[in-house]
C-alpha atoms as a PDB file:
ATOM      1  CA  MET A   1     -39.567   6.563  30.771  1.00  0.00           C
ATOM      2  CA  SER A   2     -37.644   9.558  29.558  1.00  0.00           C
ATOM      3  CA  LYS A   3     -34.824  11.279  31.401  1.00  0.00           C
ATOM      4  CA  LYS A   4     -35.867  14.784  30.352  1.00  0.00           C
ATOM      5  CA  LYS A   5     -35.525  17.717  32.722  1.00  0.00           C
ATOM      6  CA  LYS A   6     -38.113  17.820  35.467  1.00  0.00           C
ATOM      7  CA  ASP A   7     -41.246  19.845  34.906  1.00  0.00           C
ATOM      8  CA  VAL A   8     -41.156  23.044  36.888  1.00  0.00           C
ATOM      9  CA  PRO A   9     -44.431  24.877  37.435  1.00  0.00           C
ATOM     10  CA  ARG A  10     -44.585  28.664  37.410  1.00  0.00           C
ATOM     11  CA  ASN A  11     -44.004  28.832  41.158  1.00  0.00           C
ATOM     12  CA  GLY A  12     -40.566  27.194  40.692  1.00  0.00           C
ATOM     13  CA  SER A  13     -41.117  23.972  42.668  1.00  0.00           C
ATOM     14  CA  ALA A  14     -40.503  20.643  40.913  1.00  0.00           C
ATOM     15  CA  LEU A  15     -43.466  18.353  40.373  1.00  0.00           C
ATOM     16  CA  LYS A  16     -43.309  15.224  42.509  1.00  0.00           C
ATOM     17  CA  ALA A  17     -44.048  11.927  40.757  1.00  0.00           C
ATOM     18  CA  LYS A  18     -47.190  10.084  41.856  1.00  0.00           C
ATOM     19  CA  PRO A  19     -48.205   6.433  41.731  1.00  0.00           C
ATOM     20  CA  ILE A  20     -50.992   5.467  39.353  1.00  0.00           C
ATOM     21  CA  SER A  21     -53.097   4.427  42.348  1.00  0.00           C
ATOM     22  CA  VAL A  22     -53.614   8.144  43.157  1.00  0.00           C
ATOM     23  CA  SER A  23     -55.634   8.560  39.962  1.00  0.00           C
ATOM     24  CA  ARG A  24     -57.755   5.416  40.094  1.00  0.00           C
ATOM     25  CA  SER A  25     -61.438   6.271  40.072  1.00  0.00           C
ATOM     26  CA  GLU A  26     -64.660   4.318  40.024  1.00  0.00           C
ATOM     27  CA  MET A  27     -68.255   5.338  39.521  1.00  0.00           C
ATOM     28  CA  ALA A  28     -71.519   3.465  39.146  1.00  0.00           C
ATOM     29  CA  GLU A  29     -75.164   4.091  38.370  1.00  0.00           C
ATOM     30  CA  VAL A  30     -78.319   2.161  37.597  1.00  0.00           C
ATOM     31  CA  VAL A  31     -79.501   2.126  33.980  1.00  0.00           C
ATOM     32  CA  LEU A  32     -82.953   3.711  33.900  1.00  0.00           C
ATOM     33  CA  PRO A  33     -85.509   3.743  31.041  1.00  0.00           C
ATOM     34  CA  ALA A  34     -84.715   7.325  29.965  1.00  0.00           C
ATOM     35  CA  MET A  35     -81.107   6.258  29.278  1.00  0.00           C
ATOM     36  CA  THR A  36     -81.980   3.432  26.914  1.00  0.00           C
ATOM     37  CA  ASN A  37     -82.917   2.859  23.299  1.00  0.00           C
ATOM     38  CA  PRO A  38     -86.159   1.097  22.236  1.00  0.00           C
ATOM     39  CA  LEU A  39     -84.418  -2.275  22.780  1.00  0.00           C
ATOM     40  CA  GLY A  40     -83.782  -1.493  26.446  1.00  0.00           C
ATOM     41  CA  LYS A  41     -80.010  -1.045  25.960  1.00  0.00           C
ATOM     42  CA  LEU A  42     -77.999   1.874  27.375  1.00  0.00           C
ATOM     43  CA  LEU A  43     -77.444   4.472  24.660  1.00  0.00           C
ATOM     44  CA  GLY A  44     -73.888   4.527  23.291  1.00  0.00           C
ATOM     45  CA  GLY A  45     -73.801   8.308  23.637  1.00  0.00           C
ATOM     46  CA  HIS A  46     -74.656   7.986  27.313  1.00  0.00           C
ATOM     47  CA  VAL A  47     -71.835   5.467  27.754  1.00  0.00           C
ATOM     48  CA  MET A  48     -69.463   7.962  26.099  1.00  0.00           C
ATOM     49  CA  HIS A  49     -70.677  10.689  28.458  1.00  0.00           C
ATOM     50  CA  LEU A  50     -70.031   8.478  31.491  1.00  0.00           C
ATOM     51  CA  VAL A  51     -66.590   7.492  30.111  1.00  0.00           C
ATOM     52  CA  ASP A  52     -65.665  11.179  29.796  1.00  0.00           C
ATOM     53  CA  ILE A  53     -66.716  11.858  33.403  1.00  0.00           C
ATOM     54  CA  ALA A  54     -64.880   8.829  34.843  1.00  0.00           C
ATOM     55  CA  ALA A  55     -61.753   9.661  32.835  1.00  0.00           C
ATOM     56  CA  ALA A  56     -61.868  13.318  33.905  1.00  0.00           C
ATOM     57  CA  MET A  57     -62.023  12.219  37.547  1.00  0.00           C
ATOM     58  CA  ALA A  58     -58.812  10.197  37.168  1.00  0.00           C
ATOM     59  CA  ALA A  59     -57.020  12.982  35.264  1.00  0.00           C
ATOM     60  CA  SER A  60     -58.081  15.606  37.786  1.00  0.00           C
ATOM     61  CA  ARG A  61     -57.014  13.438  40.722  1.00  0.00           C
ATOM     62  CA  HIS A  62     -53.571  12.899  39.251  1.00  0.00           C
ATOM     63  CA  SER A  63     -52.982  16.496  38.145  1.00  0.00           C
ATOM     64  CA  ASN A  64     -54.767  18.229  41.039  1.00  0.00           C
ATOM     65  CA  SER A  65     -56.184  20.656  38.509  1.00  0.00           C
ATOM     66  CA  TYR A  66     -59.034  21.299  36.161  1.00  0.00           C
ATOM     67  CA  VAL A  67     -58.808  19.180  33.035  1.00  0.00           C
ATOM     68  CA  VAL A  68     -60.299  19.354  29.558  1.00  0.00           C
ATOM     69  CA  THR A  69     -60.867  16.529  27.103  1.00  0.00           C
ATOM     70  CA  ALA A  70     -58.390  16.763  24.213  1.00  0.00           C
ATOM     71  CA  SER A  71     -59.210  13.557  22.339  1.00  0.00           C
ATOM     72  CA  VAL A  72     -60.869  10.198  22.478  1.00  0.00           C
ATOM     73  CA  ASP A  73     -58.469   7.830  20.764  1.00  0.00           C
ATOM     74  CA  TYR A  74     -60.474   4.688  21.038  1.00  0.00           C
ATOM     75  CA  ILE A  75     -63.791   3.415  22.271  1.00  0.00           C
ATOM     76  CA  ASP A  76     -64.933  -0.153  21.810  1.00  0.00           C
ATOM     77  CA  PHE A  77     -68.453  -1.322  22.632  1.00  0.00           C
ATOM     78  CA  ARG A  78     -68.116  -5.059  23.339  1.00  0.00           C
ATOM     79  CA  ASN A  79     -71.407  -5.927  25.027  1.00  0.00           C
ATOM     80  CA  PRO A  80     -74.682  -4.040  25.529  1.00  0.00           C
ATOM     81  CA  ILE A  81     -75.752  -2.766  28.943  1.00  0.00           C
ATOM     82  CA  ASN A  82     -79.381  -3.548  29.752  1.00  0.00           C
ATOM     83  CA  ILE A  83     -82.035  -1.512  31.484  1.00  0.00           C
ATOM     84  CA  GLY A  84     -81.993  -2.203  35.224  1.00  0.00           C
ATOM     85  CA  GLU A  85     -78.324  -3.202  35.265  1.00  0.00           C
ATOM     86  CA  ILE A  86     -75.633  -1.296  37.126  1.00  0.00           C
ATOM     87  CA  VAL A  87     -73.026   0.351  34.907  1.00  0.00           C
ATOM     88  CA  ILE A  88     -69.595   0.491  36.572  1.00  0.00           C
ATOM     89  CA  LEU A  89     -66.702   2.570  35.221  1.00  0.00           C
ATOM     90  CA  LYS A  90     -63.083   2.203  36.322  1.00  0.00           C
ATOM     91  CA  SER A  91     -60.448   4.684  35.209  1.00  0.00           C
ATOM     92  CA  GLN A  92     -56.776   5.440  35.757  1.00  0.00           C
ATOM     93  CA  VAL A  93     -54.040   7.559  34.221  1.00  0.00           C
ATOM     94  CA  ASN A  94     -51.938   5.376  31.905  1.00  0.00           C
ATOM     95  CA  ARG A  95     -49.286   7.916  30.966  1.00  0.00           C
ATOM     96  CA  VAL A  96     -48.360  11.546  31.512  1.00  0.00           C
ATOM     97  CA  PHE A  97     -46.749  13.577  28.770  1.00  0.00           C
ATOM     98  CA  HIS A  98     -46.055  17.259  29.568  1.00  0.00           C
ATOM     99  CA  THR A  99     -49.421  18.926  30.083  1.00  0.00           C
ATOM    100  CA  SER A 100     -51.532  15.994  28.908  1.00  0.00           C
ATOM    101  CA  MET A 101     -52.451  12.574  30.263  1.00  0.00           C
ATOM    102  CA  GLU A 102     -53.901   9.463  28.698  1.00  0.00           C
ATOM    103  CA  VAL A 103     -56.611   7.855  30.813  1.00  0.00           C
ATOM    104  CA  GLY A 104     -57.865   4.319  30.296  1.00  0.00           C
ATOM    105  CA  VAL A 105     -61.467   3.505  31.138  1.00  0.00           C
ATOM    106  CA  LYS A 106     -63.088   0.092  31.449  1.00  0.00           C
ATOM    107  CA  VAL A 107     -66.855  -0.162  31.660  1.00  0.00           C
ATOM    108  CA  PHE A 108     -68.720  -3.114  33.130  1.00  0.00           C
ATOM    109  CA  SER A 109     -72.368  -4.046  33.441  1.00  0.00           C
ATOM    110  CA  GLU A 110     -73.563  -5.835  36.527  1.00  0.00           C
ATOM    111  CA  ASN A 111     -76.824  -7.717  36.723  1.00  0.00           C
ATOM    112  CA  ALA A 112     -78.382  -6.458  39.947  1.00  0.00           C
ATOM    113  CA  LEU A 113     -80.176  -9.766  40.558  1.00  0.00           C
ATOM    114  CA  THR A 114     -77.350 -12.238  39.872  1.00  0.00           C
ATOM    115  CA  GLY A 115     -74.239 -10.121  40.448  1.00  0.00           C
ATOM    116  CA  VAL A 116     -72.785 -11.280  37.112  1.00  0.00           C
ATOM    117  CA  ARG A 117     -70.429  -8.694  35.601  1.00  0.00           C
ATOM    118  CA  LYS A 118     -69.511  -8.255  31.931  1.00  0.00           C
ATOM    119  CA  HIS A 119     -66.790  -6.073  30.442  1.00  0.00           C
ATOM    120  CA  THR A 120     -68.771  -3.894  28.036  1.00  0.00           C
ATOM    121  CA  THR A 121     -66.565  -1.024  26.888  1.00  0.00           C
ATOM    122  CA  THR A 122     -62.948   0.086  26.734  1.00  0.00           C
ATOM    123  CA  ALA A 123     -61.840   3.650  26.004  1.00  0.00           C
ATOM    124  CA  TYR A 124     -58.695   5.800  25.945  1.00  0.00           C
ATOM    125  CA  VAL A 125     -59.170   9.519  26.523  1.00  0.00           C
ATOM    126  CA  THR A 126     -56.543  12.280  26.551  1.00  0.00           C
ATOM    127  CA  PHE A 127     -56.888  15.250  28.892  1.00  0.00           C
ATOM    128  CA  VAL A 128     -54.942  18.479  29.276  1.00  0.00           C
ATOM    129  CA  ALA A 129     -54.400  19.952  32.739  1.00  0.00           C
ATOM    130  CA  ILE A 130     -55.496  23.582  33.002  1.00  0.00           C
ATOM    131  CA  ASP A 131     -54.083  26.160  35.415  1.00  0.00           C
ATOM    132  CA  ALA A 132     -56.884  27.532  37.605  1.00  0.00           C
ATOM    133  CA  VAL A 133     -55.621  31.127  37.353  1.00  0.00           C
ATOM    134  CA  THR A 134     -54.263  31.506  33.818  1.00  0.00           C
ATOM    135  CA  LYS A 135     -56.632  28.985  32.209  1.00  0.00           C
ATOM    136  CA  GLU A 136     -53.609  27.804  30.192  1.00  0.00           C
ATOM    137  CA  PRO A 137     -52.198  24.247  30.014  1.00  0.00           C
ATOM    138  CA  ARG A 138     -49.969  23.416  32.958  1.00  0.00           C
ATOM    139  CA  PRO A 139     -47.330  20.719  33.547  1.00  0.00           C
ATOM    140  CA  VAL A 140     -48.426  17.466  35.145  1.00  0.00           C
ATOM    141  CA  ALA A 141     -46.483  15.356  37.642  1.00  0.00           C
ATOM    142  CA  PRO A 142     -44.918  12.209  36.186  1.00  0.00           C
ATOM    143  CA  LEU A 143     -46.126   8.721  37.052  1.00  0.00           C
ATOM    144  CA  ILE A 144     -44.491   6.151  39.280  1.00  0.00           C
ATOM    145  CA  LEU A 145     -44.878   2.763  37.597  1.00  0.00           C
ATOM    146  CA  LYS A 146     -44.953  -0.156  40.030  1.00  0.00           C
ATOM    147  CA  THR A 147     -46.381  -3.195  38.238  1.00  0.00           C
ATOM    148  CA  ALA A 148     -45.790  -4.957  34.929  1.00  0.00           C
ATOM    149  CA  ASP A 149     -49.368  -4.046  33.917  1.00  0.00           C
ATOM    150  CA  GLU A 150     -48.742  -0.349  34.623  1.00  0.00           C
ATOM    151  CA  LYS A 151     -45.531  -0.475  32.567  1.00  0.00           C
ATOM    152  CA  ARG A 152     -47.367  -2.196  29.705  1.00  0.00           C
ATOM    153  CA  ARG A 153     -50.138   0.431  29.764  1.00  0.00           C
ATOM    154  CA  TRP A 154     -47.494   3.196  29.828  1.00  0.00           C
ATOM    155  CA  GLN A 155     -45.774   1.741  26.734  1.00  0.00           C
ATOM    156  CA  GLU A 156     -49.050   1.252  24.858  1.00  0.00           C
ATOM    157  CA  ALA A 157     -50.130   4.815  25.653  1.00  0.00           C
ATOM    158  CA  GLY A 158     -46.933   6.104  24.059  1.00  0.00           C
ATOM    159  CA  ALA A 159     -47.654   4.131  20.886  1.00  0.00           C
ATOM    160  CA  ARG A 160     -51.235   5.477  20.750  1.00  0.00           C
ATOM    161  CA  ARG A 161     -49.946   9.034  21.169  1.00  0.00           C
ATOM    162  CA  LYS A 162     -47.428   8.570  18.379  1.00  0.00           C
ATOM    163  CA  ALA A 163     -50.186   7.294  16.062  1.00  0.00           C
ATOM    164  CA  ARG A 164     -52.550  10.118  17.080  1.00  0.00           C
ATOM    165  CA  LEU A 165     -49.938  12.807  16.409  1.00  0.00           C
ATOM    166  CA  ALA A 166     -48.973  11.223  13.073  1.00  0.00           C
ATOM    167  CA  LEU A 167     -52.634  11.245  12.010  1.00  0.00           C
ATOM    168  CA  ARG A 168     -52.982  14.880  13.078  1.00  0.00           C
ATOM    169  CA  TYR A 169     -49.867  15.773  11.048  1.00  0.00           C
ATOM    170  CA  ARG A 170     -51.182  13.934   7.941  1.00  0.00           C
ATOM    171  CA  LYS A 171     -54.540  15.729   8.205  1.00  0.00           C
ATOM    172  CA  ARG A 172     -52.783  19.104   8.395  1.00  0.00           C
ATOM    173  CA  GLN A 173     -50.718  18.214   5.324  1.00  0.00           C
ATOM    174  CA  GLU A 174     -53.886  17.289   3.395  1.00  0.00           C
ATOM    175  CA  LYS A 175     -55.450  20.685   4.207  1.00  0.00           C
ATOM    176  CA  ASP A 176     -52.437  22.631   2.905  1.00  0.00           C
END
Protein backbone atom coordinates (compact mmCIF):
# COMPACT_ATOMS: atom_id res chain seq x y z
CA MET A 1 0.00 0.00 0.00
CA SER A 2 1.44 3.33 -0.98
CA LYS A 3 2.18 6.21 1.36
CA LYS A 4 1.08 8.89 -1.10
CA LYS A 5 -0.73 12.00 0.09
CA LYS A 6 -4.34 11.44 1.03
CA ASP A 7 -7.00 12.04 -1.58
CA VAL A 8 -8.85 15.24 -0.92
CA PRO A 9 -12.19 15.74 -2.64
CA ARG A 10 -13.25 19.15 -3.92
CA ASN A 11 -14.96 19.98 -0.63
CA GLY A 12 -11.58 19.74 1.18
CA SER A 13 -12.32 16.81 3.53
CA ALA A 14 -10.01 13.78 3.43
CA LEU A 15 -11.46 10.49 2.26
CA LYS A 16 -11.76 7.94 5.05
CA ALA A 17 -10.52 4.43 4.29
CA LYS A 18 -13.14 1.67 4.23
CA PRO A 19 -12.95 -2.08 4.77
CA ILE A 20 -13.55 -4.31 1.77
CA SER A 21 -16.64 -5.70 3.51
CA VAL A 22 -18.44 -2.40 2.76
CA SER A 23 -18.32 -3.17 -0.96
CA ARG A 24 -19.27 -6.85 -0.91
CA SER A 25 -22.37 -7.47 -2.99
CA GLU A 26 -24.38 -10.49 -3.99
CA MET A 27 -27.17 -10.99 -6.48
CA ALA A 28 -29.05 -14.00 -7.79
CA GLU A 29 -31.63 -14.91 -10.40
CA VAL A 30 -33.19 -17.97 -11.96
CA VAL A 31 -32.06 -18.90 -15.48
CA LEU A 32 -35.13 -18.77 -17.72
CA PRO A 33 -35.52 -20.06 -21.31
CA ALA A 34 -35.19 -16.61 -22.92
CA MET A 35 -31.70 -16.30 -21.38
CA THR A 36 -30.34 -19.51 -22.86
CA ASN A 37 -28.89 -20.83 -26.08
CA PRO A 38 -30.39 -23.81 -27.98
CA LEU A 39 -28.48 -26.17 -25.64
CA GLY A 40 -30.25 -24.76 -22.58
CA LYS A 41 -27.13 -22.97 -21.28
CA LEU A 42 -27.08 -19.36 -20.05
CA LEU A 43 -25.76 -17.10 -22.81
CA GLY A 44 -22.21 -15.86 -22.21
CA GLY A 45 -23.29 -12.32 -23.06
CA HIS A 46 -25.96 -12.49 -20.38
CA VAL A 47 -23.36 -13.67 -17.86
CA MET A 48 -21.19 -10.68 -18.83
CA HIS A 49 -24.16 -8.36 -18.35
CA LEU A 50 -24.81 -9.77 -14.87
CA VAL A 51 -21.08 -9.53 -14.01
CA ASP A 52 -21.11 -5.84 -14.96
CA ILE A 53 -24.14 -5.18 -12.74
CA ALA A 54 -22.75 -7.08 -9.73
CA ALA A 55 -19.37 -5.37 -10.10
CA ALA A 56 -20.99 -1.93 -10.43
CA MET A 57 -22.89 -2.55 -7.19
CA ALA A 58 -19.65 -3.23 -5.30
CA ALA A 59 -17.86 -0.22 -6.85
CA SER A 60 -20.78 2.09 -6.13
CA ARG A 61 -21.06 0.86 -2.54
CA HIS A 62 -17.39 1.50 -1.89
CA SER A 63 -17.20 4.89 -3.62
CA ASN A 64 -20.68 6.15 -2.67
CA SER A 65 -20.97 7.52 -6.18
CA TYR A 66 -22.04 6.74 -9.69
CA VAL A 67 -19.56 4.50 -11.47
CA VAL A 68 -18.81 3.67 -15.09
CA THR A 69 -17.16 0.57 -16.48
CA ALA A 70 -13.64 1.37 -17.71
CA SER A 71 -12.41 -2.11 -18.64
CA VAL A 72 -12.95 -5.80 -18.29
CA ASP A 73 -9.50 -7.26 -17.77
CA TYR A 74 -10.44 -10.87 -17.55
CA ILE A 75 -13.43 -13.16 -17.77
CA ASP A 76 -13.16 -16.92 -17.59
CA PHE A 77 -16.10 -19.23 -18.27
CA ARG A 78 -15.30 -22.44 -16.37
CA ASN A 79 -18.62 -24.28 -16.32
CA PRO A 80 -21.95 -23.74 -18.10
CA ILE A 81 -25.04 -22.57 -16.24
CA ASN A 82 -28.15 -24.57 -17.10
CA ILE A 83 -31.73 -23.50 -17.62
CA GLY A 84 -33.64 -23.66 -14.33
CA GLU A 85 -30.53 -23.17 -12.20
CA ILE A 86 -29.94 -20.17 -9.96
CA VAL A 87 -27.06 -17.94 -11.01
CA ILE A 88 -25.34 -16.30 -8.02
CA LEU A 89 -22.82 -13.46 -8.36
CA LYS A 90 -20.51 -12.28 -5.58
CA SER A 91 -18.44 -9.14 -5.98
CA GLN A 92 -16.05 -6.98 -3.98
CA VAL A 93 -13.57 -4.18 -4.56
CA ASN A 94 -10.06 -5.67 -4.74
CA ARG A 95 -8.08 -2.44 -5.00
CA VAL A 96 -8.58 1.31 -5.24
CA PHE A 97 -6.27 3.45 -7.32
CA HIS A 98 -7.10 7.18 -7.48
CA THR A 99 -10.46 7.49 -9.22
CA SER A 100 -10.71 3.85 -10.29
CA MET A 101 -11.34 0.54 -8.57
CA GLU A 102 -10.81 -3.06 -9.58
CA VAL A 103 -13.73 -5.31 -8.68
CA GLY A 104 -13.54 -9.09 -8.61
CA VAL A 105 -16.64 -11.11 -9.43
CA LYS A 106 -17.23 -14.81 -8.90
CA VAL A 107 -20.24 -16.46 -10.49
CA PHE A 108 -21.80 -19.69 -9.28
CA SER A 109 -24.60 -21.90 -10.52
CA GLU A 110 -26.84 -23.62 -8.03
CA ASN A 111 -29.04 -26.56 -8.87
CA ALA A 112 -32.40 -25.61 -7.39
CA LEU A 113 -33.32 -29.25 -6.74
CA THR A 114 -30.10 -30.52 -5.15
CA GLY A 115 -28.51 -27.33 -3.82
CA VAL A 116 -25.19 -28.24 -5.47
CA ARG A 117 -23.13 -25.16 -6.36
CA LYS A 118 -20.45 -24.85 -9.04
CA HIS A 119 -18.02 -22.00 -9.61
CA THR A 120 -18.76 -21.05 -13.22
CA THR A 121 -17.10 -17.72 -13.97
CA THR A 122 -14.45 -15.34 -12.68
CA ALA A 123 -14.06 -11.74 -13.84
CA TYR A 124 -12.10 -8.58 -13.03
CA VAL A 125 -13.74 -5.28 -13.95
CA THR A 126 -12.38 -1.75 -13.50
CA PHE A 127 -14.72 1.13 -12.69
CA VAL A 128 -14.22 4.88 -12.43
CA ALA A 129 -16.13 6.86 -9.80
CA ILE A 130 -18.05 9.80 -11.25
CA ASP A 131 -18.95 12.99 -9.40
CA ALA A 132 -22.74 13.45 -9.40
CA VAL A 133 -22.51 17.19 -10.11
CA THR A 134 -19.53 17.63 -12.45
CA LYS A 135 -19.85 14.22 -14.13
CA GLU A 136 -16.04 14.04 -13.94
CA PRO A 137 -13.94 11.30 -12.29
CA ARG A 138 -13.64 11.75 -8.54
CA PRO A 139 -11.23 10.35 -5.93
CA VAL A 140 -12.17 7.15 -4.15
CA ALA A 141 -11.53 6.26 -0.51
CA PRO A 142 -8.68 3.79 0.05
CA LEU A 143 -9.25 0.24 1.25
CA ILE A 144 -8.58 -1.22 4.67
CA LEU A 145 -7.08 -4.67 4.16
CA LYS A 146 -7.78 -7.08 7.02
CA THR A 147 -7.12 -10.63 5.81
CA ALA A 148 -4.34 -12.42 3.94
CA ASP A 149 -6.81 -13.07 1.09
CA GLU A 150 -7.65 -9.36 0.82
CA LYS A 151 -3.93 -8.50 0.75
CA ARG A 152 -3.32 -11.13 -1.95
CA ARG A 153 -6.19 -9.77 -4.07
CA TRP A 154 -4.85 -6.22 -3.59
CA GLN A 155 -1.38 -7.28 -4.82
CA GLU A 156 -2.77 -9.20 -7.79
CA ALA A 157 -4.96 -6.25 -8.78
CA GLY A 158 -1.87 -4.05 -8.92
CA ALA A 159 -0.15 -6.52 -11.25
CA ARG A 160 -3.22 -6.67 -13.53
CA ARG A 161 -3.34 -2.86 -13.66
CA LYS A 162 0.33 -2.67 -14.57
CA ALA A 163 -0.20 -5.17 -17.40
CA ARG A 164 -3.34 -3.36 -18.60
CA LEU A 165 -1.59 0.02 -18.72
CA ALA A 166 1.45 -1.47 -20.47
CA LEU A 167 -0.83 -2.98 -23.13
CA ARG A 168 -2.62 0.35 -23.56
CA TYR A 169 0.75 2.11 -23.98
CA ARG A 170 1.94 -0.46 -26.58
CA LYS A 171 -1.30 -0.06 -28.56
CA ARG A 172 -0.87 3.73 -28.60
CA GLN A 173 2.71 3.32 -29.82
CA GLU A 174 1.54 1.03 -32.65
CA LYS A 175 -1.00 3.65 -33.81
CA ASP A 176 1.62 6.42 -34.01
